[in-house]
Amino acid sequence: MVWRSGTEPATARTDLKLRFLLSMLFLPFFALCTAGFAVWAAFASPHGAPSSGTLTVFAVCCGLLTLVAAADLWVVVRRRRTEL
């Protein structure tokens, strides 16, 4: 048996349409940011500001956010197929 505090609804649901919209919006945005930061880091001078290391960190962070958005989109599409 799962312990419940009593304050949450028994059938709580997330707004799948909103999650789908946000994933569709941010997946290409983060993918473009990843590519942009990676290209910028490749052509940045070692002693310039921002440094190529900083730009590489930004590219990796944006890449991780791209993966999160893609995973969320996959989950939302799968749940919408089974629930609708």
Protein backbone atom coordinates (compact mmCIF):
# COMPACT_ATOMS: atom_id res chain seq x y z
CA MET A 1 0.00 0.00 0.00
CA VAL A 2 1.29 3.45 -0.93
CA TRP A 3 1.17 6.08 1.79
CA ARG A 4 -0.66 9.24 0.72
CA SER A 5 -0.76 12.57 2.49
CA GLY A 6 -4.36 13.18 1.50
CA THR A 7 -3.74 16.54 -0.17
CA GLU A 8 -3.17 15.29 -3.72
CA PRO A 9 -6.02 14.21 -5.98
CA ALA A 10 -6.41 10.49 -6.50
CA THR A 11 -6.45 10.81 -10.29
CA ALA A 12 -3.94 13.61 -10.89
CA ARG A 13 -2.93 14.03 -14.53
CA THR A 14 -0.48 16.22 -16.37
CA ASP A 15 -1.60 18.35 -19.27
CA LEU A 16 -0.33 16.23 -22.16
CA LYS A 17 -1.21 18.86 -24.76
CA LEU A 18 0.91 21.47 -22.99
CA ARG A 19 3.81 19.06 -22.52
CA PHE A 20 3.58 18.11 -26.20
CA LEU A 21 3.59 21.78 -27.23
CA LEU A 22 6.55 22.63 -24.98
CA SER A 23 8.54 19.62 -26.16
CA MET A 24 7.87 20.47 -29.80
CA LEU A 25 8.97 24.04 -29.14
CA PHE A 26 12.10 23.39 -27.09
CA LEU A 27 13.45 20.27 -28.82
CA PRO A 28 14.56 22.13 -31.97
CA PHE A 29 15.55 25.19 -29.93
CA PHE A 30 17.94 23.22 -27.72
CA ALA A 31 19.24 21.24 -30.72
CA LEU A 32 20.07 24.49 -32.53
CA CYS A 33 21.68 25.92 -29.40
CA THR A 34 23.78 22.76 -29.06
CA ALA A 35 24.99 23.04 -32.63
CA GLY A 36 25.56 26.77 -32.33
CA PHE A 37 27.61 26.53 -29.16
CA ALA A 38 29.60 23.60 -30.55
CA VAL A 39 30.48 25.49 -33.73
CA TRP A 40 31.28 28.63 -31.75
CA ALA A 41 33.52 26.61 -29.41
CA ALA A 42 35.31 25.05 -32.38
CA PHE A 43 36.18 28.45 -33.84
CA ALA A 44 36.79 30.31 -30.56
CA SER A 45 40.28 31.43 -29.73
CA PRO A 46 41.79 29.81 -26.62
CA HIS A 47 42.34 33.16 -24.89
CA GLY A 48 39.14 34.87 -26.01
CA ALA A 49 36.07 35.59 -23.99
CA PRO A 50 34.10 33.38 -23.65
CA SER A 51 36.63 30.59 -23.72
CA SER A 52 36.17 27.48 -25.80
CA GLY A 53 35.81 25.46 -22.57
CA THR A 54 32.88 27.56 -21.43
CA LEU A 55 31.21 27.24 -24.82
CA THR A 56 31.75 23.49 -24.74
CA VAL A 57 30.03 23.30 -21.35
CA PHE A 58 27.10 25.29 -22.76
CA ALA A 59 26.94 22.92 -25.75
CA VAL A 60 26.90 19.87 -23.47
CA CYS A 61 24.20 21.38 -21.24
CA CYS A 62 22.04 22.21 -24.25
CA GLY A 63 22.64 18.70 -25.58
CA LEU A 64 21.39 17.23 -22.31
CA LEU A 65 18.31 19.46 -22.43
CA THR A 66 17.73 18.29 -26.01
CA LEU A 67 17.76 14.69 -24.79
CA VAL A 68 15.35 15.52 -21.96
CA ALA A 69 12.95 17.25 -24.37
CA ALA A 70 13.16 14.31 -26.80
CA ALA A 71 12.50 11.79 -24.02
CA ASP A 72 9.54 13.81 -22.75
CA LEU A 73 8.14 14.07 -26.28
CA TRP A 74 8.46 10.31 -26.69
CA VAL A 75 6.67 9.70 -23.35
CA VAL A 76 3.87 12.15 -24.18
CA VAL A 77 3.27 10.66 -27.64
CA ARG A 78 3.22 7.14 -26.20
CA ARG A 79 0.81 8.13 -23.41
CA ARG A 80 -1.49 9.98 -25.81
CA ARG A 81 -1.70 6.91 -28.05
CA THR A 82 -2.68 4.64 -25.16
CA GLU A 83 -5.07 7.06 -23.44
CA LEU A 84 -6.94 8.43 -26.42
